[in-house]
């Protein structure tokens, strides 16, 4: 996704997620991951005329959080 959507996308691969986000976004990511560790599965991040973006948890077989991915949807009308 980074390669397709960001001008310097390839340079982002293998770097920390926090290198790519400002302080406010970093705070949100930490907060949402904490909620996901407590059981939340998905959170709406952005809902505008271009798209809706959700943060979706990825868990292992025992339910432990491995990470997350961002799910994009076209705008709803």
Protein backbone atom coordinates (compact mmCIF):
# COMPACT_ATOMS: atom_id res chain seq x y z
CA UNK A 1 0.00 0.00 0.00
CA UNK A 2 2.81 2.42 0.86
CA UNK A 3 4.40 2.04 -2.56
CA UNK A 4 1.14 2.71 -4.38
CA UNK A 5 -0.12 5.62 -2.28
CA UNK A 6 2.93 7.62 -1.20
CA UNK A 7 5.50 9.34 -3.39
CA UNK A 8 8.36 7.93 -1.29
CA UNK A 9 6.47 4.72 -0.54
CA UNK A 10 9.26 2.27 -1.25
CA UNK A 11 11.55 4.12 1.18
CA UNK A 12 8.93 3.54 3.93
CA UNK A 13 9.19 -0.24 3.75
CA UNK A 14 10.98 -1.76 6.73
CA UNK A 15 10.84 1.45 8.77
CA UNK A 16 8.98 2.05 11.99
CA UNK A 17 5.35 3.01 11.62
CA UNK A 18 6.06 5.99 13.86
CA UNK A 19 8.62 7.36 11.38
CA UNK A 20 5.74 7.96 8.96
CA UNK A 21 3.30 9.75 11.29
CA UNK A 22 3.17 13.01 13.21
CA UNK A 23 2.93 13.12 17.02
CA UNK A 24 -0.87 13.30 17.08
CA UNK A 25 -1.20 10.28 14.78
CA UNK A 26 1.39 8.39 16.84
CA UNK A 27 -0.66 9.06 19.99
CA UNK A 28 -3.82 7.79 18.26
CA UNK A 29 -2.08 4.62 17.08
CA UNK A 30 -0.83 3.84 20.60
CA UNK A 31 -4.29 4.53 22.06
CA UNK A 32 -6.10 2.36 19.52
CA UNK A 33 -3.62 -0.52 19.87
CA UNK A 34 -4.20 -0.43 23.64
CA UNK A 35 -7.97 -0.68 23.03
CA UNK A 36 -7.36 -3.57 20.64
CA UNK A 37 -5.32 -5.40 23.27
CA UNK A 38 -8.44 -5.12 25.46
CA UNK A 39 -10.65 -6.67 22.78
CA UNK A 40 -11.56 -4.04 20.20
CA UNK A 41 -11.32 -5.37 16.64
CA UNK A 42 -11.72 -2.32 14.44
CA UNK A 43 -11.93 1.46 14.65
CA UNK A 44 -12.99 4.07 12.09
CA UNK A 45 -10.13 6.55 11.58
CA UNK A 46 -11.29 8.69 8.67
CA UNK A 47 -14.65 9.27 7.03
CA UNK A 48 -14.60 11.89 4.30
CA UNK A 49 -15.53 12.45 0.65
CA UNK A 50 -12.47 10.53 -0.59
CA UNK A 51 -12.66 7.39 1.55
CA UNK A 52 -13.33 5.73 4.86
CA UNK A 53 -10.29 4.30 6.66
CA UNK A 54 -10.49 1.70 9.40
CA UNK A 55 -7.75 0.36 11.67
CA UNK A 56 -8.27 -3.43 11.92
CA UNK A 57 -6.45 -5.68 14.42
CA UNK A 58 -4.52 -8.84 13.47
CA UNK A 59 -4.38 -11.51 16.17
CA UNK A 60 -2.61 -14.84 16.52
CA UNK A 61 -4.43 -18.10 17.28
CA UNK A 62 -4.54 -17.35 20.99
CA UNK A 63 -5.98 -13.86 20.49
CA UNK A 64 -2.79 -11.88 21.11
CA UNK A 65 -2.38 -8.72 19.04
CA UNK A 66 0.26 -9.07 16.32
CA UNK A 67 -0.39 -5.71 14.70
CA UNK A 68 -2.96 -4.02 12.52
CA UNK A 69 -3.72 -2.95 9.00
CA UNK A 70 -5.63 -0.02 7.57
CA UNK A 71 -8.70 -0.94 5.55
CA UNK A 72 -9.90 1.55 2.95
CA UNK A 73 -13.46 1.81 1.60
CA UNK A 74 -14.84 4.09 -1.10
CA UNK A 75 -17.01 6.92 0.19
CA UNK A 76 -20.62 6.22 1.07
CA UNK A 77 -23.21 8.45 -0.53
